[in-house]
């Protein structure tokens, strides 16, 4: 069973806070099943963006699956431009931004 997007985002941001990673919701989407996109800001002018993996939303353990949609070094403006295009087709998506200079804020891309 998959968690509602609002609950998952809240838990993810709390986990980030415990790890000392600042995060915030940039755009709130549908409470129940909005797609979640995470921008990882490296605090050096670059970022990368993770989005839901195609196919099954969760792996066999129940964890959400992720793919790197924008690989570093890209600017936050590049990520937002891609998300603006996506919002035309999916206005219910969530955008979460975290500041993590060392990684992916604990999200596994399976790579």
PDB file of N, CA and C in Angstrom:
ATOM      1  N   UNK A   1       0.843  -1.180   0.000  1.00  0.00           N
ATOM      2  CA  UNK A   1       0.000   0.000   0.000  1.00  0.00           C
ATOM      3  C   UNK A   1       0.885   1.239   0.000  1.00  0.00           C
ATOM      4  N   UNK A   2       0.549   2.194  -0.817  1.00  0.00           N
ATOM      5  CA  UNK A   2       1.330   3.407  -0.946  1.00  0.00           C
ATOM      6  C   UNK A   2       0.758   4.503  -0.049  1.00  0.00           C
ATOM      7  N   UNK A   3       1.656   5.248   0.597  1.00  0.00           N
ATOM      8  CA  UNK A   3       1.232   6.379   1.421  1.00  0.00           C
ATOM      9  C   UNK A   3       0.681   7.498   0.553  1.00  0.00           C
ATOM     10  N   UNK A   4      -0.227   8.269   1.104  1.00  0.00           N
ATOM     11  CA  UNK A   4      -0.684   9.467   0.411  1.00  0.00           C
ATOM     12  C   UNK A   4       0.502  10.401   0.237  1.00  0.00           C
ATOM     13  N   UNK A   5       0.496  11.160  -0.840  1.00  0.00           N
ATOM     14  CA  UNK A   5       1.615  12.052  -1.141  1.00  0.00           C
ATOM     15  C   UNK A   5       1.865  13.054  -0.018  1.00  0.00           C
ATOM     16  N   UNK A   6       0.809  13.612   0.546  1.00  0.00           N
ATOM     17  CA  UNK A   6       0.969  14.605   1.611  1.00  0.00           C
ATOM     18  C   UNK A   6       1.668  14.009   2.826  1.00  0.00           C
ATOM     19  N   UNK A   7       1.323  12.783   3.180  1.00  0.00           N
ATOM     20  CA  UNK A   7       1.960  12.123   4.319  1.00  0.00           C
ATOM     21  C   UNK A   7       3.416  11.816   3.999  1.00  0.00           C
ATOM     22  N   UNK A   8       3.689  11.320   2.783  1.00  0.00           N
ATOM     23  CA  UNK A   8       5.059  10.996   2.401  1.00  0.00           C
ATOM     24  C   UNK A   8       5.936  12.240   2.430  1.00  0.00           C
ATOM     25  N   UNK A   9       5.451  13.358   1.866  1.00  0.00           N
ATOM     26  CA  UNK A   9       6.235  14.597   1.838  1.00  0.00           C
ATOM     27  C   UNK A   9       6.529  15.066   3.255  1.00  0.00           C
ATOM     28  N   UNK A  10       5.537  15.024   4.123  1.00  0.00           N
ATOM     29  CA  UNK A  10       5.729  15.439   5.510  1.00  0.00           C
ATOM     30  C   UNK A  10       6.789  14.581   6.193  1.00  0.00           C
ATOM     31  N   UNK A  11       6.717  13.267   6.018  1.00  0.00           N
ATOM     32  CA  UNK A  11       7.693  12.360   6.617  1.00  0.00           C
ATOM     33  C   UNK A  11       9.084  12.572   6.028  1.00  0.00           C
ATOM     34  N   UNK A  12       9.163  12.784   4.718  1.00  0.00           N
ATOM     35  CA  UNK A  12      10.453  13.024   4.063  1.00  0.00           C
ATOM     36  C   UNK A  12      11.105  14.289   4.615  1.00  0.00           C
ATOM     37  N   UNK A  13      10.341  15.377   4.752  1.00  0.00           N
ATOM     38  CA  UNK A  13      10.903  16.618   5.262  1.00  0.00           C
ATOM     39  C   UNK A  13      11.338  16.479   6.716  1.00  0.00           C
ATOM     40  N   UNK A  14      10.610  15.713   7.509  1.00  0.00           N
ATOM     41  CA  UNK A  14      11.028  15.465   8.898  1.00  0.00           C
ATOM     42  C   UNK A  14      12.327  14.670   8.933  1.00  0.00           C
ATOM     43  N   UNK A  15      12.434  13.658   8.076  1.00  0.00           N
ATOM     44  CA  UNK A  15      13.665  12.859   8.009  1.00  0.00           C
ATOM     45  C   UNK A  15      14.853  13.733   7.595  1.00  0.00           C
ATOM     46  N   UNK A  16      14.628  14.623   6.645  1.00  0.00           N
ATOM     47  CA  UNK A  16      15.682  15.544   6.237  1.00  0.00           C
ATOM     48  C   UNK A  16      16.099  16.427   7.409  1.00  0.00           C
ATOM     49  N   UNK A  17      15.115  16.949   8.147  1.00  0.00           N
ATOM     50  CA  UNK A  17      15.406  17.830   9.271  1.00  0.00           C
ATOM     51  C   UNK A  17      16.263  17.097  10.306  1.00  0.00           C
ATOM     52  N   UNK A  18      15.959  15.839  10.580  1.00  0.00           N
ATOM     53  CA  UNK A  18      16.739  15.046  11.538  1.00  0.00           C
ATOM     54  C   UNK A  18      18.181  14.894  11.056  1.00  0.00           C
ATOM     55  N   UNK A  19      18.379  14.801   9.744  1.00  0.00           N
ATOM     56  CA  UNK A  19      19.710  14.653   9.166  1.00  0.00           C
ATOM     57  C   UNK A  19      20.425  15.993   9.008  1.00  0.00           C
ATOM     58  N   UNK A  20      19.770  17.082   9.391  1.00  0.00           N
ATOM     59  CA  UNK A  20      20.379  18.404   9.257  1.00  0.00           C
ATOM     60  C   UNK A  20      20.275  18.979   7.860  1.00  0.00           C
ATOM     61  N   UNK A  21      19.341  18.479   7.076  1.00  0.00           N
ATOM     62  CA  UNK A  21      19.138  18.936   5.701  1.00  0.00           C
ATOM     63  C   UNK A  21      17.892  19.807   5.680  1.00  0.00           C
ATOM     64  N   UNK A  22      18.033  21.052   5.209  1.00  0.00           N
ATOM     65  CA  UNK A  22      16.870  21.935   5.114  1.00  0.00           C
ATOM     66  C   UNK A  22      16.055  21.551   3.893  1.00  0.00           C
ATOM     67  N   UNK A  23      14.739  21.533   4.040  1.00  0.00           N
ATOM     68  CA  UNK A  23      13.851  21.240   2.924  1.00  0.00           C
ATOM     69  C   UNK A  23      12.545  21.988   3.076  1.00  0.00           C
ATOM     70  N   UNK A  24      11.882  22.216   1.953  1.00  0.00           N
ATOM     71  CA  UNK A  24      10.608  22.932   1.976  1.00  0.00           C
ATOM     72  C   UNK A  24       9.765  22.525   0.776  1.00  0.00           C
ATOM     73  N   UNK A  25       8.452  22.656   0.947  1.00  0.00           N
ATOM     74  CA  UNK A  25       7.525  22.412  -0.153  1.00  0.00           C
ATOM     75  C   UNK A  25       7.478  23.680  -1.002  1.00  0.00           C
ATOM     76  N   UNK A  26       7.829  23.560  -2.274  1.00  0.00           N
ATOM     77  CA  UNK A  26       7.767  24.684  -3.208  1.00  0.00           C
ATOM     78  C   UNK A  26       6.370  24.794  -3.793  1.00  0.00           C
ATOM     79  N   UNK A  27       5.767  23.641  -4.113  1.00  0.00           N
ATOM     80  CA  UNK A  27       4.404  23.606  -4.646  1.00  0.00           C
ATOM     81  C   UNK A  27       3.695  22.400  -4.077  1.00  0.00           C
ATOM     82  N   UNK A  28       2.552  22.662  -3.469  1.00  0.00           N
ATOM     83  CA  UNK A  28       1.748  21.589  -2.908  1.00  0.00           C
ATOM     84  C   UNK A  28       0.854  21.026  -3.995  1.00  0.00           C
ATOM     85  N   UNK A  29       0.820  19.703  -4.088  1.00  0.00           N
ATOM     86  CA  UNK A  29       0.005  19.041  -5.095  1.00  0.00           C
ATOM     87  C   UNK A  29      -1.190  18.352  -4.481  1.00  0.00           C
ATOM     88  N   UNK A  30      -1.708  17.372  -5.182  1.00  0.00           N
ATOM     89  CA  UNK A  30      -2.866  16.617  -4.698  1.00  0.00           C
ATOM     90  C   UNK A  30      -2.482  15.839  -3.449  1.00  0.00           C
ATOM     91  N   UNK A  31      -3.315  15.935  -2.429  1.00  0.00           N
ATOM     92  CA  UNK A  31      -3.046  15.295  -1.134  1.00  0.00           C
ATOM     93  C   UNK A  31      -2.890  13.779  -1.266  1.00  0.00           C
ATOM     94  N   UNK A  32      -3.729  13.153  -2.083  1.00  0.00           N
ATOM     95  CA  UNK A  32      -3.772  11.704  -2.127  1.00  0.00           C
ATOM     96  C   UNK A  32      -2.706  11.081  -3.014  1.00  0.00           C
ATOM     97  N   UNK A  33      -2.599  11.545  -4.240  1.00  0.00           N
ATOM     98  CA  UNK A  33      -1.759  10.816  -5.191  1.00  0.00           C
ATOM     99  C   UNK A  33      -0.991  11.710  -6.156  1.00  0.00           C
ATOM    100  N   UNK A  34      -0.674  12.937  -5.769  1.00  0.00           N
ATOM    101  CA  UNK A  34       0.104  13.799  -6.648  1.00  0.00           C
ATOM    102  C   UNK A  34       1.526  13.283  -6.787  1.00  0.00           C
ATOM    103  N   UNK A  35       2.075  13.335  -7.991  1.00  0.00           N
ATOM    104  CA  UNK A  35       3.462  12.924  -8.214  1.00  0.00           C
ATOM    105  C   UNK A  35       4.393  13.881  -7.468  1.00  0.00           C
ATOM    106  N   UNK A  36       5.444  13.329  -6.851  1.00  0.00           N
ATOM    107  CA  UNK A  36       6.384  14.132  -6.067  1.00  0.00           C
ATOM    108  C   UNK A  36       7.687  14.255  -6.844  1.00  0.00           C
ATOM    109  N   UNK A  37       8.164  15.493  -6.992  1.00  0.00           N
ATOM    110  CA  UNK A  37       9.457  15.775  -7.614  1.00  0.00           C
ATOM    111  C   UNK A  37      10.318  16.485  -6.586  1.00  0.00           C
ATOM    112  N   UNK A  38      11.565  16.043  -6.452  1.00  0.00           N
ATOM    113  CA  UNK A  38      12.470  16.591  -5.442  1.00  0.00           C
ATOM    114  C   UNK A  38      13.649  17.246  -6.144  1.00  0.00           C
ATOM    115  N   UNK A  39      13.828  18.546  -5.879  1.00  0.00           N
ATOM    116  CA  UNK A  39      14.997  19.275  -6.379  1.00  0.00           C
ATOM    117  C   UNK A  39      16.034  19.248  -5.264  1.00  0.00           C
ATOM    118  N   UNK A  40      17.220  18.738  -5.565  1.00  0.00           N
ATOM    119  CA  UNK A  40      18.310  18.701  -4.595  1.00  0.00           C
ATOM    120  C   UNK A  40      19.265  19.841  -4.946  1.00  0.00           C
ATOM    121  N   UNK A  41      19.239  20.889  -4.126  1.00  0.00           N
ATOM    122  CA  UNK A  41      20.064  22.070  -4.332  1.00  0.00           C
ATOM    123  C   UNK A  41      21.418  21.817  -3.673  1.00  0.00           C
ATOM    124  N   UNK A  42      22.502  21.943  -4.441  1.00  0.00           N
ATOM    125  CA  UNK A  42      23.845  21.672  -3.936  1.00  0.00           C
ATOM    126  C   UNK A  42      24.494  22.905  -3.307  1.00  0.00           C
ATOM    127  N   UNK A  43      23.774  24.025  -3.283  1.00  0.00           N
ATOM    128  CA  UNK A  43      24.230  25.288  -2.676  1.00  0.00           C
ATOM    129  C   UNK A  43      25.476  25.866  -3.330  1.00  0.00           C
ATOM    130  N   UNK A  44      25.751  25.459  -4.558  1.00  0.00           N
ATOM    131  CA  UNK A  44      26.857  26.039  -5.315  1.00  0.00           C
ATOM    132  C   UNK A  44      26.379  26.539  -6.675  1.00  0.00           C
ATOM    133  N   UNK A  45      25.056  26.727  -6.800  1.00  0.00           N
ATOM    134  CA  UNK A  45      24.472  27.170  -8.063  1.00  0.00           C
ATOM    135  C   UNK A  45      24.027  26.015  -8.942  1.00  0.00           C
ATOM    136  N   UNK A  46      24.263  24.767  -8.485  1.00  0.00           N
ATOM    137  CA  UNK A  46      23.848  23.609  -9.271  1.00  0.00           C
ATOM    138  C   UNK A  46      22.848  22.784  -8.472  1.00  0.00           C
ATOM    139  N   UNK A  47      22.138  21.944  -9.194  1.00  0.00           N
ATOM    140  CA  UNK A  47      21.176  21.056  -8.546  1.00  0.00           C
ATOM    141  C   UNK A  47      20.957  19.851  -9.431  1.00  0.00           C
ATOM    142  N   UNK A  48      20.223  18.906  -8.898  1.00  0.00           N
ATOM    143  CA  UNK A  48      19.669  17.842  -9.724  1.00  0.00           C
ATOM    144  C   UNK A  48      18.252  17.587  -9.235  1.00  0.00           C
ATOM    145  N   UNK A  49      17.490  16.903 -10.066  1.00  0.00           N
ATOM    146  CA  UNK A  49      16.089  16.700  -9.735  1.00  0.00           C
ATOM    147  C   UNK A  49      15.739  15.223  -9.845  1.00  0.00           C
ATOM    148  N   UNK A  50      15.024  14.738  -8.841  1.00  0.00           N
ATOM    149  CA  UNK A  50      14.550  13.361  -8.825  1.00  0.00           C
ATOM    150  C   UNK A  50      13.044  13.355  -9.008  1.00  0.00           C
ATOM    151  N   UNK A  51      12.577  12.405  -9.780  1.00  0.00           N
ATOM    152  CA  UNK A  51      11.146  12.271 -10.011  1.00  0.00           C
ATOM    153  C   UNK A  51      10.734  10.825  -9.907  1.00  0.00           C
ATOM    154  N   UNK A  52       9.433  10.567  -9.954  1.00  0.00           N
ATOM    155  CA  UNK A  52       8.960   9.189  -9.846  1.00  0.00           C
ATOM    156  C   UNK A  52       9.450   8.344 -11.018  1.00  0.00           C
ATOM    157  N   UNK A  53       9.893   7.147 -10.699  1.00  0.00           N
ATOM    158  CA  UNK A  53      10.357   6.227 -11.739  1.00  0.00           C
ATOM    159  C   UNK A  53       9.165   5.737 -12.555  1.00  0.00           C
ATOM    160  N   UNK A  54       9.379   5.476 -13.843  1.00  0.00           N
ATOM    161  CA  UNK A  54       8.287   4.930 -14.647  1.00  0.00           C
ATOM    162  C   UNK A  54       7.936   3.515 -14.190  1.00  0.00           C
ATOM    163  N   UNK A  55       6.739   3.111 -14.472  1.00  0.00           N
ATOM    164  CA  UNK A  55       6.301   1.780 -14.054  1.00  0.00           C
ATOM    165  C   UNK A  55       5.734   1.827 -12.655  1.00  0.00           C
ATOM    166  N   UNK A  56       6.014   0.800 -11.895  1.00  0.00           N
ATOM    167  CA  UNK A  56       5.505   0.720 -10.525  1.00  0.00           C
ATOM    168  C   UNK A  56       6.049   1.837  -9.659  1.00  0.00           C
ATOM    169  N   UNK A  57       5.183   2.466  -8.881  1.00  0.00           N
ATOM    170  CA  UNK A  57       5.578   3.598  -8.044  1.00  0.00           C
ATOM    171  C   UNK A  57       6.463   3.178  -6.882  1.00  0.00           C
ATOM    172  N   UNK A  58       6.322   1.926  -6.436  1.00  0.00           N
ATOM    173  CA  UNK A  58       7.069   1.454  -5.268  1.00  0.00           C
ATOM    174  C   UNK A  58       7.799   0.160  -5.609  1.00  0.00           C
ATOM    175  N   UNK A  59       8.894  -0.091  -4.889  1.00  0.00           N
ATOM    176  CA  UNK A  59       9.594  -1.357  -5.067  1.00  0.00           C
ATOM    177  C   UNK A  59       8.947  -2.425  -4.185  1.00  0.00           C
ATOM    178  N   UNK A  60       9.557  -3.607  -4.132  1.00  0.00           N
ATOM    179  CA  UNK A  60       8.961  -4.721  -3.380  1.00  0.00           C
ATOM    180  C   UNK A  60       8.942  -4.494  -1.868  1.00  0.00           C
ATOM    181  N   UNK A  61       9.747  -3.543  -1.369  1.00  0.00           N
ATOM    182  CA  UNK A  61       9.752  -3.244   0.071  1.00  0.00           C
ATOM    183  C   UNK A  61       8.777  -2.130   0.423  1.00  0.00           C
ATOM    184  N   UNK A  62       8.153  -1.516  -0.585  1.00  0.00           N
ATOM    185  CA  UNK A  62       7.205  -0.435  -0.335  1.00  0.00           C
ATOM    186  C   UNK A  62       7.797   0.959  -0.441  1.00  0.00           C
ATOM    187  N   UNK A  63       9.120   1.049  -0.709  1.00  0.00           N
ATOM    188  CA  UNK A  63       9.770   2.358  -0.871  1.00  0.00           C
ATOM    189  C   UNK A  63       9.458   2.930  -2.249  1.00  0.00           C
ATOM    190  N   UNK A  64       9.285   4.253  -2.297  1.00  0.00           N
ATOM    191  CA  UNK A  64       9.071   4.900  -3.602  1.00  0.00           C
ATOM    192  C   UNK A  64      10.319   4.746  -4.457  1.00  0.00           C
ATOM    193  N   UNK A  65      10.111   4.595  -5.754  1.00  0.00           N
ATOM    194  CA  UNK A  65      11.227   4.473  -6.698  1.00  0.00           C
ATOM    195  C   UNK A  65      11.464   5.826  -7.353  1.00  0.00           C
ATOM    196  N   UNK A  66      12.742   6.160  -7.599  1.00  0.00           N
ATOM    197  CA  UNK A  66      13.126   7.469  -8.126  1.00  0.00           C
ATOM    198  C   UNK A  66      14.047   7.321  -9.325  1.00  0.00           C
ATOM    199  N   UNK A  67      13.996   8.318 -10.211  1.00  0.00           N
ATOM    200  CA  UNK A  67      14.981   8.443 -11.284  1.00  0.00           C
ATOM    201  C   UNK A  67      15.516   9.872 -11.250  1.00  0.00           C
ATOM    202  N   UNK A  68      16.743  10.016 -11.702  1.00  0.00           N
ATOM    203  CA  UNK A  68      17.327  11.356 -11.824  1.00  0.00           C
ATOM    204  C   UNK A  68      16.812  11.953 -13.123  1.00  0.00           C
ATOM    205  N   UNK A  69      15.974  12.979 -13.016  1.00  0.00           N
ATOM    206  CA  UNK A  69      15.409  13.615 -14.208  1.00  0.00           C
ATOM    207  C   UNK A  69      16.325  14.709 -14.726  1.00  0.00           C
ATOM    208  N   UNK A  70      17.029  15.360 -13.829  1.00  0.00           N
ATOM    209  CA  UNK A  70      18.021  16.356 -14.216  1.00  0.00           C
ATOM    210  C   UNK A  70      19.275  16.053 -13.417  1.00  0.00           C
ATOM    211  N   UNK A  71      20.353  15.752 -14.120  1.00  0.00           N
ATOM    212  CA  UNK A  71      21.617  15.426 -13.455  1.00  0.00           C
ATOM    213  C   UNK A  71      22.460  16.687 -13.294  1.00  0.00           C
ATOM    214  N   UNK A  72      23.248  16.754 -12.223  1.00  0.00           N
ATOM    215  CA  UNK A  72      24.101  17.931 -12.046  1.00  0.00           C
ATOM    216  C   UNK A  72      25.185  17.945 -13.106  1.00  0.00           C
ATOM    217  N   UNK A  73      25.749  19.031 -13.470  1.00  0.00           N
ATOM    218  CA  UNK A  73      25.470  20.366 -12.938  1.00  0.00           C
ATOM    219  C   UNK A  73      24.416  21.083 -13.778  1.00  0.00           C
ATOM    220  N   UNK A  74      23.270  21.311 -13.216  1.00  0.00           N
ATOM    221  CA  UNK A  74      22.207  22.100 -13.825  1.00  0.00           C
ATOM    222  C   UNK A  74      21.817  23.185 -12.841  1.00  0.00           C
ATOM    223  N   UNK A  75      21.170  24.208 -13.332  1.00  0.00           N
ATOM    224  CA  UNK A  75      20.737  25.275 -12.432  1.00  0.00           C
ATOM    225  C   UNK A  75      19.318  24.991 -11.955  1.00  0.00           C
ATOM    226  N   UNK A  76      18.942  25.627 -10.854  1.00  0.00           N
ATOM    227  CA  UNK A  76      17.576  25.488 -10.337  1.00  0.00           C
ATOM    228  C   UNK A  76      16.573  26.007 -11.366  1.00  0.00           C
ATOM    229  N   UNK A  77      16.973  26.986 -12.159  1.00  0.00           N
ATOM    230  CA  UNK A  77      16.094  27.517 -13.199  1.00  0.00           C
ATOM    231  C   UNK A  77      15.777  26.443 -14.245  1.00  0.00           C
ATOM    232  N   UNK A  78      16.763  25.590 -14.566  1.00  0.00           N
ATOM    233  CA  UNK A  78      16.535  24.486 -15.511  1.00  0.00           C
ATOM    234  C   UNK A  78      15.505  23.507 -14.952  1.00  0.00           C
ATOM    235  N   UNK A  79      15.640  23.192 -13.670  1.00  0.00           N
ATOM    236  CA  UNK A  79      14.691  22.269 -13.033  1.00  0.00           C
ATOM    237  C   UNK A  79      13.295  22.872 -13.016  1.00  0.00           C
ATOM    238  N   UNK A  80      13.189  24.133 -12.659  1.00  0.00           N
ATOM    239  CA  UNK A  80      11.877  24.770 -12.597  1.00  0.00           C
ATOM    240  C   UNK A  80      11.253  24.899 -13.983  1.00  0.00           C
ATOM    241  N   UNK A  81      12.061  25.133 -15.007  1.00  0.00           N
ATOM    242  CA  UNK A  81      11.524  25.213 -16.373  1.00  0.00           C
ATOM    243  C   UNK A  81      10.918  23.872 -16.782  1.00  0.00           C
ATOM    244  N   UNK A  82      11.603  22.768 -16.464  1.00  0.00           N
ATOM    245  CA  UNK A  82      11.065  21.445 -16.764  1.00  0.00           C
ATOM    246  C   UNK A  82       9.768  21.210 -15.987  1.00  0.00           C
ATOM    247  N   UNK A  83       9.753  21.600 -14.713  1.00  0.00           N
ATOM    248  CA  UNK A  83       8.552  21.394 -13.903  1.00  0.00           C
ATOM    249  C   UNK A  83       7.394  22.277 -14.357  1.00  0.00           C
ATOM    250  N   UNK A  84       7.677  23.469 -14.848  1.00  0.00           N
ATOM    251  CA  UNK A  84       6.606  24.324 -15.377  1.00  0.00           C
ATOM    252  C   UNK A  84       5.932  23.650 -16.568  1.00  0.00           C
ATOM    253  N   UNK A  85       6.736  23.012 -17.425  1.00  0.00           N
ATOM    254  CA  UNK A  85       6.157  22.279 -18.565  1.00  0.00           C
ATOM    255  C   UNK A  85       5.330  21.098 -18.074  1.00  0.00           C
ATOM    256  N   UNK A  86       5.815  20.390 -17.068  1.00  0.00           N
ATOM    257  CA  UNK A  86       5.084  19.245 -16.524  1.00  0.00           C
ATOM    258  C   UNK A  86       3.761  19.668 -15.890  1.00  0.00           C
ATOM    259  N   UNK A  87       3.753  20.836 -15.234  1.00  0.00           N
ATOM    260  CA  UNK A  87       2.542  21.298 -14.555  1.00  0.00           C
ATOM    261  C   UNK A  87       1.408  21.601 -15.528  1.00  0.00           C
ATOM    262  N   UNK A  88       1.743  21.866 -16.798  1.00  0.00           N
ATOM    263  CA  UNK A  88       0.696  22.070 -17.790  1.00  0.00           C
ATOM    264  C   UNK A  88      -0.131  20.810 -17.981  1.00  0.00           C
ATOM    265  N   UNK A  89       0.513  19.636 -17.823  1.00  0.00           N
ATOM    266  CA  UNK A  89      -0.172  18.356 -18.010  1.00  0.00           C
ATOM    267  C   UNK A  89      -0.594  17.713 -16.695  1.00  0.00           C
ATOM    268  N   UNK A  90       0.093  18.062 -15.602  1.00  0.00           N
ATOM    269  CA  UNK A  90      -0.195  17.462 -14.302  1.00  0.00           C
ATOM    270  C   UNK A  90      -0.178  18.557 -13.228  1.00  0.00           C
ATOM    271  N   UNK A  91      -1.273  19.289 -13.077  1.00  0.00           N
ATOM    272  CA  UNK A  91      -1.298  20.374 -12.093  1.00  0.00           C
ATOM    273  C   UNK A  91      -1.288  19.888 -10.646  1.00  0.00           C
ATOM    274  N   UNK A  92      -1.416  18.577 -10.427  1.00  0.00           N
ATOM    275  CA  UNK A  92      -1.470  18.025  -9.081  1.00  0.00           C
ATOM    276  C   UNK A  92      -0.107  17.603  -8.538  1.00  0.00           C
ATOM    277  N   UNK A  93       0.978  17.863  -9.262  1.00  0.00           N
ATOM    278  CA  UNK A  93       2.280  17.403  -8.794  1.00  0.00           C
ATOM    279  C   UNK A  93       2.805  18.243  -7.635  1.00  0.00           C
ATOM    280  N   UNK A  94       3.659  17.621  -6.843  1.00  0.00           N
ATOM    281  CA  UNK A  94       4.324  18.266  -5.714  1.00  0.00           C
ATOM    282  C   UNK A  94       5.745  18.626  -6.131  1.00  0.00           C
ATOM    283  N   UNK A  95       6.251  19.767  -5.638  1.00  0.00           N
ATOM    284  CA  UNK A  95       7.653  20.129  -5.815  1.00  0.00           C
ATOM    285  C   UNK A  95       8.229  20.374  -4.428  1.00  0.00           C
ATOM    286  N   UNK A  96       9.259  19.613  -4.098  1.00  0.00           N
ATOM    287  CA  UNK A  96       9.946  19.738  -2.815  1.00  0.00           C
ATOM    288  C   UNK A  96      11.402  20.061  -3.125  1.00  0.00           C
ATOM    289  N   UNK A  97      11.966  21.028  -2.413  1.00  0.00           N
ATOM    290  CA  UNK A  97      13.377  21.358  -2.600  1.00  0.00           C
ATOM    291  C   UNK A  97      14.111  21.129  -1.295  1.00  0.00           C
ATOM    292  N   UNK A  98      15.263  20.465  -1.408  1.00  0.00           N
ATOM    293  CA  UNK A  98      16.120  20.240  -0.249  1.00  0.00           C
ATOM    294  C   UNK A  98      17.517  20.764  -0.559  1.00  0.00           C
ATOM    295  N   UNK A  99      18.218  21.162   0.489  1.00  0.00           N
ATOM    296  CA  UNK A  99      19.593  21.640   0.347  1.00  0.00           C
ATOM    297  C   UNK A  99      20.522  20.557   0.868  1.00  0.00           C
ATOM    298  N   UNK A 100      21.154  19.852  -0.049  1.00  0.00           N
ATOM    299  CA  UNK A 100      22.039  18.744   0.311  1.00  0.00           C
ATOM    300  C   UNK A 100      23.279  18.820  -0.570  1.00  0.00           C
ATOM    301  N   UNK A 101      24.384  19.241   0.007  1.00  0.00           N
ATOM    302  CA  UNK A 101      25.608  19.411  -0.772  1.00  0.00           C
ATOM    303  C   UNK A 101      26.286  18.092  -1.107  1.00  0.00           C
ATOM    304  N   UNK A 102      25.916  17.024  -0.404  1.00  0.00           N
ATOM    305  CA  UNK A 102      26.640  15.760  -0.557  1.00  0.00           C
ATOM    306  C   UNK A 102      25.891  14.650  -1.258  1.00  0.00           C
ATOM    307  N   UNK A 103      24.604  14.811  -1.524  1.00  0.00           N
ATOM    308  CA  UNK A 103      23.912  13.669  -2.098  1.00  0.00           C
ATOM    309  C   UNK A 103      22.507  13.896  -2.555  1.00  0.00           C
ATOM    310  N   UNK A 104      21.650  12.928  -2.249  1.00  0.00           N
ATOM    311  CA  UNK A 104      20.282  12.922  -2.751  1.00  0.00           C
ATOM    312  C   UNK A 104      19.257  12.977  -1.625  1.00  0.00           C
ATOM    313  N   UNK A 105      19.664  13.447  -0.463  1.00  0.00           N
ATOM    314  CA  UNK A 105      18.758  13.553   0.703  1.00  0.00           C
ATOM    315  C   UNK A 105      18.185  12.200   1.076  1.00  0.00           C
ATOM    316  N   UNK A 106      18.941  11.135   0.830  1.00  0.00           N
ATOM    317  CA  UNK A 106      18.516   9.797   1.229  1.00  0.00           C
ATOM    318  C   UNK A 106      17.607   9.085   0.253  1.00  0.00           C
ATOM    319  N   UNK A 107      17.336   9.664  -0.901  1.00  0.00           N
ATOM    320  CA  UNK A 107      16.483   9.006  -1.895  1.00  0.00           C
ATOM    321  C   UNK A 107      17.341   8.145  -2.811  1.00  0.00           C
ATOM    322  N   UNK A 108      16.980   6.898  -2.961  1.00  0.00           N
ATOM    323  CA  UNK A 108      17.746   5.942  -3.752  1.00  0.00           C
ATOM    324  C   UNK A 108      17.213   5.919  -5.190  1.00  0.00           C
ATOM    325  N   UNK A 109      18.107   6.175  -6.142  1.00  0.00           N
ATOM    326  CA  UNK A 109      17.713   6.137  -7.547  1.00  0.00           C
ATOM    327  C   UNK A 109      17.956   4.763  -8.165  1.00  0.00           C
ATOM    328  N   UNK A 110      18.456   3.840  -7.366  1.00  0.00           N
ATOM    329  CA  UNK A 110      18.687   2.495  -7.866  1.00  0.00           C
ATOM    330  C   UNK A 110      19.883   2.393  -8.787  1.00  0.00           C
ATOM    331  N   UNK A 111      20.621   3.486  -8.970  1.00  0.00           N
ATOM    332  CA  UNK A 111      21.779   3.434  -9.872  1.00  0.00           C
ATOM    333  C   UNK A 111      23.034   3.085  -9.132  1.00  0.00           C
TER     334      UNK A 111
END
